[in-house]
Amino acid sequence: MNPHPDSEGAGDEASPDRRGAPWQSAVSGARSSGDPEPLERPDLGPTFTAKIVLRPYNPISWFHPRGIKRVLARLTPRLPKVGGCLFLTFTLNPALFADPSSAFEWSRQRLRRVFFALRRGVSFQGRSYAVDAPYAVKVEFHASGWAHFHVVFLTRRFLPAGLLAQLWPEGRTEVQRISNDHFRYLLKYVTKDGTLPEWVLSRKRLRVFQASRGFLKPPPARKPAQKRRRTKRRAADTLGERIERQKRTALLESDGHFAQVRLGAPFEEIHQEHILRAAEEGRYLGQAHYQLNAEEDLRIWTNQIH
C-alpha cells in the first residue's frame, strides 16, 4: 500500500497503489513507477458505491509549483547550518556565447575546473588561497532564459572577490556570506516568475541542486520500500513533455488507495470551470478535492462529456 500517492518513483512522479482499490480491474494502463501514461477510464458503473475523491497530482519535482514543496520536505532535514559560510554567485555574459543552452553546458564544465583550482589553491596578489570544503550548487534562470549559479561552501574562509573574478572571466561573480534563512529561500524556486526557458523544457533532465560529498546530513533511516516494477521512460520524454503530462494528471483516492488518471485538459482549467457547479452540488471538498458520486462526475474530468 502506498501511503504517499505522489511519492517519487523512477522519475519525478508518483507510483499508484491499486491493490484493493475500486478501480483495480479497470485502470489497466497504470504504471508502477516513472511518469504517468494515459489510463483507461475506470469502469465503476453509473453510481459509485465507494467514496471516491479526485485530487490534484503533485509530483516530487523542482519544476512543479506544489511539487517543489515536496522536494524541500525531503531535502530540508538533511541541510546543514550555513550561517556565515562562503556564498559565491556566477553569472554568464550573453555576448560571449551563442545561446543560453550552450552557455549552460560550458558553465557546468567550467565550474568543475574552478572548484578543482580552489581545492588545490590559487595564488592571488602574492598570497595563496584554498577552499577545500563540501559545497552545494543551485542553478536558477533569469527571465531572459540565461542560467546563473549559487554555490555555498561549508567554510568561513576568506576568498578575495578579485580572485574569483580571475577564475571566471566569462561573467560576473560575487563573494558573500550567507544566512540559513537566505539559503532556504534560494531553494524555494528555480525561476522567480515560474516560467522555464524553452531550451530547458527541451532537455531530458536537468539537475537543479547538487551537493558534494559531506555537504548533506545522512538521510534518515527509512523502512525498506516495496520492490516496484520499473518501466522504461520514452526516448523523446523531455522535461516539457513530462510537465505537460503532469498538468493533465489527477489522482483518484478511495479507502487509502490511489490511482493516476489522465485528464482531457489541464487540471487547473477543469478545476476553474467546474468548481462552482461542484460546490452547488455539494461535491467540492476544498483544496481542489472533488467527491465523485457517479460516472458522469468523472467524465467531466476525462473530457468524455461536456
Protein backbone atom coordinates (compact mmCIF):
# COMPACT_ATOMS: atom_id res chain seq x y z
CA MET A 1 0.00 0.00 0.00
CA ASN A 2 1.33 3.41 -0.97
CA PRO A 3 0.75 5.96 1.82
CA HIS A 4 2.30 8.70 -0.30
CA PRO A 5 0.43 8.72 -3.60
CA ASP A 6 2.67 11.32 -5.23
CA SER A 7 5.92 9.78 -4.00
CA GLU A 8 8.98 9.58 -6.18
CA GLY A 9 9.37 6.55 -8.38
CA ALA A 10 11.80 6.17 -11.24
CA GLY A 11 11.47 9.85 -12.08
CA ASP A 12 9.78 12.87 -10.56
CA GLU A 13 6.35 11.37 -10.36
CA ALA A 14 4.04 9.13 -8.42
CA SER A 15 3.64 5.39 -8.18
CA PRO A 16 -0.02 4.48 -7.70
CA ASP A 17 -1.10 1.69 -5.39
CA ARG A 18 -4.10 -0.06 -6.85
CA ARG A 19 -4.35 -3.10 -4.59
CA GLY A 20 -7.90 -3.47 -3.44
CA ALA A 21 -9.00 -0.16 -4.98
CA PRO A 22 -12.49 0.03 -6.51
CA TRP A 23 -10.93 0.64 -9.94
CA GLN A 24 -8.38 -2.19 -9.67
CA SER A 25 -9.53 -4.15 -12.69
CA ALA A 26 -10.28 -1.10 -14.78
CA VAL A 27 -7.18 1.10 -14.63
CA SER A 28 -5.10 -1.22 -16.75
CA GLY A 29 -2.75 1.47 -18.04
CA ALA A 30 -1.27 2.50 -14.68
CA ARG A 31 2.48 2.37 -14.25
CA SER A 32 4.25 1.31 -11.10
CA SER A 33 6.94 3.98 -11.45
CA GLY A 34 8.02 6.87 -13.60
CA ASP A 35 5.73 9.23 -15.49
CA PRO A 36 2.01 8.58 -15.78
CA GLU A 37 0.64 7.25 -19.02
CA PRO A 38 -2.92 7.84 -20.22
CA LEU A 39 -5.09 5.48 -18.20
CA GLU A 40 -8.18 3.56 -19.09
CA ARG A 41 -11.27 5.21 -17.70
CA PRO A 42 -12.20 3.38 -14.50
CA ASP A 43 -15.36 1.40 -15.21
CA LEU A 44 -17.10 1.95 -11.92
CA GLY A 45 -20.66 1.78 -13.07
CA PRO A 46 -23.20 4.63 -13.29
CA THR A 47 -23.24 5.13 -9.50
CA PHE A 48 -20.19 4.69 -7.27
CA THR A 49 -20.64 2.54 -4.19
CA ALA A 50 -17.39 3.65 -2.51
CA LYS A 51 -16.33 7.18 -1.65
CA ILE A 52 -14.04 8.32 -4.44
CA VAL A 53 -12.16 11.61 -4.34
CA LEU A 54 -10.40 13.22 -7.27
CA ARG A 55 -7.50 15.43 -6.22
CA PRO A 56 -4.52 17.22 -7.78
CA TYR A 57 -1.46 15.27 -8.76
CA ASN A 58 1.61 16.73 -7.04
CA PRO A 59 4.81 15.02 -8.22
CA ILE A 60 8.06 15.36 -6.33
CA SER A 61 9.67 17.75 -8.79
CA TRP A 62 11.62 21.02 -8.83
CA PHE A 63 9.54 22.03 -11.84
CA HIS A 64 6.07 21.79 -10.31
CA PRO A 65 4.62 24.69 -8.26
CA ARG A 66 3.44 22.38 -5.47
CA GLY A 67 5.81 19.52 -6.13
CA ILE A 68 8.82 21.66 -5.26
CA LYS A 69 7.49 21.85 -1.70
CA ARG A 70 7.65 18.07 -1.56
CA VAL A 71 11.23 18.15 -2.80
CA LEU A 72 12.13 20.56 0.00
CA ALA A 73 10.27 18.48 2.58
CA ARG A 74 12.69 15.64 1.81
CA LEU A 75 15.76 17.84 1.45
CA THR A 76 15.37 20.23 4.41
CA PRO A 77 16.08 17.69 7.21
CA ARG A 78 19.43 16.96 5.54
CA LEU A 79 20.55 20.56 5.11
CA PRO A 80 23.47 21.76 7.25
CA LYS A 81 23.63 25.07 9.06
CA VAL A 82 25.32 27.51 6.70
CA GLY A 83 25.15 30.79 8.63
CA GLY A 84 28.27 32.83 7.86
CA CYS A 85 29.54 30.37 5.25
CA LEU A 86 31.11 31.31 1.94
CA PHE A 87 28.48 32.15 -0.70
CA LEU A 88 29.50 32.55 -4.34
CA THR A 89 27.46 33.61 -7.36
CA PHE A 90 28.41 33.03 -11.00
CA THR A 91 26.60 34.68 -13.93
CA LEU A 92 27.25 34.49 -17.68
CA ASN A 93 27.85 37.25 -20.19
CA PRO A 94 25.45 36.61 -23.13
CA ALA A 95 27.80 38.41 -25.51
CA LEU A 96 30.33 35.59 -25.16
CA PHE A 97 28.03 32.68 -26.05
CA ALA A 98 25.88 31.65 -28.98
CA ASP A 99 22.80 30.94 -26.84
CA PRO A 100 21.72 30.15 -23.26
CA SER A 101 21.81 26.39 -23.80
CA SER A 102 25.42 26.24 -25.00
CA ALA A 103 26.40 28.66 -22.24
CA PHE A 104 24.85 26.36 -19.65
CA GLU A 105 26.73 23.32 -20.95
CA TRP A 106 30.00 25.25 -20.96
CA SER A 107 29.46 26.65 -17.46
CA ARG A 108 28.93 23.23 -15.88
CA GLN A 109 32.37 22.10 -17.05
CA ARG A 110 33.91 25.44 -16.12
CA LEU A 111 32.56 25.29 -12.58
CA ARG A 112 34.24 21.93 -12.06
CA ARG A 113 37.56 23.44 -13.04
CA VAL A 114 37.01 26.40 -10.70
CA PHE A 115 36.28 24.09 -7.77
CA PHE A 116 39.35 21.98 -8.61
CA ALA A 117 41.54 25.07 -8.68
CA LEU A 118 40.19 26.27 -5.34
CA ARG A 119 40.86 22.90 -3.74
CA ARG A 120 44.47 22.96 -4.91
CA GLY A 121 44.96 26.62 -4.00
CA VAL A 122 45.18 29.72 -6.17
CA SER A 123 47.82 32.47 -5.94
CA PHE A 124 46.44 35.99 -5.94
CA GLN A 125 48.30 39.20 -5.21
CA GLY A 126 51.19 37.39 -3.57
CA ARG A 127 49.12 35.07 -1.39
CA SER A 128 47.70 31.60 -1.82
CA TYR A 129 44.02 30.90 -1.15
CA ALA A 130 42.45 27.46 -0.95
CA VAL A 131 38.88 26.35 -0.35
CA ASP A 132 38.66 22.61 0.24
CA ALA A 133 35.25 22.15 1.85
CA PRO A 134 31.95 20.44 0.97
CA TYR A 135 29.74 22.55 -1.25
CA ALA A 136 26.34 22.70 -2.91
CA VAL A 137 25.38 24.25 -6.25
CA LYS A 138 21.92 25.63 -7.08
CA VAL A 139 21.02 26.72 -10.59
CA GLU A 140 18.46 29.44 -11.34
CA PHE A 141 17.21 31.03 -14.53
CA HIS A 142 16.77 34.71 -15.31
CA ALA A 143 13.64 35.85 -17.13
CA SER A 144 15.87 36.14 -20.20
CA GLY A 145 16.47 32.37 -20.10
CA TRP A 146 20.13 32.58 -19.04
CA ALA A 147 21.34 30.50 -16.12
CA HIS A 148 23.27 31.64 -13.09
CA PHE A 149 24.68 29.60 -10.24
CA HIS A 150 24.77 29.95 -6.46
CA VAL A 151 27.40 27.98 -4.56
CA VAL A 152 27.62 27.51 -0.79
CA PHE A 153 30.84 26.19 0.74
CA LEU A 154 30.79 24.83 4.28
CA THR A 155 33.62 27.11 5.36
CA ARG A 156 34.06 30.64 6.64
CA ARG A 157 37.39 31.13 4.96
CA PHE A 158 38.13 34.45 3.26
CA LEU A 159 38.18 34.50 -0.53
CA PRO A 160 39.04 37.71 -2.40
CA ALA A 161 36.40 38.85 -4.89
CA GLY A 162 39.14 39.62 -7.39
CA LEU A 163 40.41 36.07 -7.25
CA LEU A 164 37.00 34.64 -8.11
CA ALA A 165 36.62 37.12 -10.98
CA GLN A 166 40.01 35.97 -12.24
CA LEU A 167 38.81 32.35 -12.28
CA TRP A 168 35.52 33.25 -14.02
CA PRO A 169 36.09 35.98 -16.65
CA GLU A 170 33.04 34.93 -18.69
CA GLY A 171 30.57 36.75 -16.45
CA ARG A 172 30.04 38.48 -13.12
CA THR A 173 30.91 36.92 -9.79
CA GLU A 174 30.06 37.78 -6.19
CA VAL A 175 31.62 36.68 -2.92
CA GLN A 176 29.34 37.00 0.11
CA ARG A 177 28.33 35.34 3.37
CA ILE A 178 25.01 33.55 3.58
CA SER A 179 22.46 33.08 6.34
CA ASN A 180 20.39 29.95 6.95
CA ASP A 181 17.20 31.80 6.02
CA HIS A 182 18.68 33.07 2.76
CA PHE A 183 19.86 29.58 1.84
CA ARG A 184 16.40 28.12 2.35
CA TYR A 185 14.86 30.95 0.37
CA LEU A 186 17.13 30.18 -2.58
CA LEU A 187 15.83 26.62 -2.64
CA LYS A 188 12.20 27.68 -2.97
CA TYR A 189 12.27 28.45 -6.68
CA VAL A 190 14.04 27.71 -9.95
CA THR A 191 12.71 30.78 -11.75
CA LYS A 192 11.15 33.69 -9.89
CA ASP A 193 8.27 34.02 -12.35
CA GLY A 194 7.71 30.24 -12.55
CA THR A 195 8.36 30.10 -16.31
CA LEU A 196 11.09 27.82 -17.61
CA PRO A 197 13.08 28.73 -20.74
CA GLU A 198 12.22 26.79 -23.87
CA TRP A 199 15.73 25.32 -24.08
CA VAL A 200 15.28 23.90 -20.58
CA LEU A 201 11.92 22.36 -21.49
CA SER A 202 13.54 20.63 -24.46
CA ARG A 203 16.10 18.86 -22.24
CA LYS A 204 15.52 15.35 -20.95
CA ARG A 205 16.85 16.18 -17.49
CA LEU A 206 18.46 18.99 -15.53
CA ARG A 207 19.97 18.94 -12.06
CA VAL A 208 18.71 21.95 -10.13
CA PHE A 209 20.60 21.20 -6.91
CA GLN A 210 23.80 19.22 -6.45
CA ALA A 211 25.84 18.67 -3.31
CA SER A 212 29.34 17.34 -2.95
CA ARG A 213 30.17 14.56 -0.51
CA GLY A 214 29.87 15.70 3.08
CA PHE A 215 27.55 18.65 2.47
CA LEU A 216 24.23 16.99 3.28
CA LYS A 217 23.49 15.22 6.53
CA PRO A 218 22.96 11.44 6.24
CA PRO A 219 19.44 10.52 5.15
CA PRO A 220 17.07 9.39 7.89
CA ALA A 221 16.50 5.68 8.24
CA ARG A 222 13.57 4.53 6.13
CA LYS A 223 11.59 1.35 6.08
CA PRO A 224 12.54 -0.96 3.20
CA ALA A 225 10.49 0.05 0.20
CA GLN A 226 8.37 -2.48 -1.58
CA LYS A 227 10.05 -3.55 -4.80
CA ARG A 228 8.41 -1.83 -7.73
CA ARG A 229 8.20 -2.85 -11.33
CA ARG A 230 10.24 -0.37 -13.32
CA THR A 231 9.30 0.73 -16.80
CA LYS A 232 11.46 2.47 -19.34
CA ARG A 233 10.91 6.16 -19.98
CA ARG A 234 10.19 7.04 -23.58
CA ALA A 235 13.18 8.21 -25.62
CA ALA A 236 11.50 11.51 -26.54
CA ASP A 237 10.50 12.24 -22.95
CA THR A 238 11.62 15.84 -22.38
CA LEU A 239 11.07 17.97 -19.29
CA GLY A 240 8.44 19.94 -21.17
CA GLU A 241 6.55 16.80 -22.13
CA ARG A 242 6.64 15.48 -18.57
CA ILE A 243 5.43 18.80 -17.19
CA GLU A 244 2.52 18.83 -19.65
CA ARG A 245 1.53 15.28 -18.66
CA GLN A 246 1.71 16.24 -15.01
CA LYS A 247 -0.71 19.10 -15.68
CA ARG A 248 -3.15 16.64 -17.26
CA THR A 249 -2.96 14.05 -14.50
CA ALA A 250 -5.07 13.70 -11.35
CA LEU A 251 -5.31 11.17 -8.54
CA LEU A 252 -8.30 9.06 -7.65
CA GLU A 253 -8.43 8.17 -3.97
CA SER A 254 -10.60 5.67 -2.17
CA ASP A 255 -10.05 3.98 1.18
CA GLY A 256 -6.33 4.76 1.24
CA HIS A 257 -5.71 3.55 -2.32
CA PHE A 258 -4.69 5.76 -5.20
CA ALA A 259 -4.57 5.65 -8.99
CA GLN A 260 -3.50 8.16 -11.58
CA VAL A 261 -5.98 9.19 -14.23
CA ARG A 262 -5.28 11.11 -17.43
CA LEU A 263 -7.43 14.20 -17.89
CA GLY A 264 -8.89 15.69 -21.04
CA ALA A 265 -7.40 19.10 -20.21
CA PRO A 266 -5.03 20.59 -17.60
CA PHE A 267 -6.32 20.05 -14.07
CA GLU A 268 -6.35 23.77 -13.26
CA GLU A 269 -8.51 24.58 -16.30
CA ILE A 270 -11.15 21.97 -15.41
CA HIS A 271 -10.95 22.97 -11.76
CA GLN A 272 -11.69 26.63 -12.52
CA GLU A 273 -14.52 25.72 -14.90
CA HIS A 274 -16.35 23.26 -12.65
CA ILE A 275 -15.66 24.36 -9.07
CA LEU A 276 -18.90 26.38 -8.80
CA ARG A 277 -21.07 23.58 -10.15
CA ALA A 278 -19.43 21.03 -7.86
CA ALA A 279 -19.85 23.34 -4.86
CA GLU A 280 -23.55 23.79 -5.62
CA GLU A 281 -23.92 20.00 -5.80
CA GLY A 282 -22.06 19.56 -2.52
CA ARG A 283 -19.20 17.66 -4.15
CA TYR A 284 -16.41 20.21 -3.69
CA LEU A 285 -14.35 19.32 -0.62
CA GLY A 286 -11.90 22.22 -0.64
CA GLN A 287 -8.22 22.31 -1.62
CA ALA A 288 -9.17 21.31 -5.18
CA HIS A 289 -10.53 17.94 -3.98
CA TYR A 290 -13.76 16.67 -5.55
CA GLN A 291 -16.04 13.87 -4.48
CA LEU A 292 -17.17 11.70 -7.38
CA ASN A 293 -20.62 10.20 -6.91
CA ALA A 294 -21.29 8.89 -10.40
CA GLU A 295 -19.64 8.11 -13.70
CA GLU A 296 -20.72 11.46 -15.08
CA ASP A 297 -18.66 13.27 -12.42
CA LEU A 298 -15.54 11.51 -13.64
CA ARG A 299 -16.30 12.07 -17.31
CA ILE A 300 -16.21 15.82 -16.71
CA TRP A 301 -12.52 15.42 -15.96
CA THR A 302 -11.66 12.87 -18.62
CA ASN A 303 -13.42 15.07 -21.17
CA GLN A 304 -15.89 12.41 -22.31
CA ILE A 305 -18.89 14.66 -21.83
CA HIS A 306 -19.21 18.42 -21.96
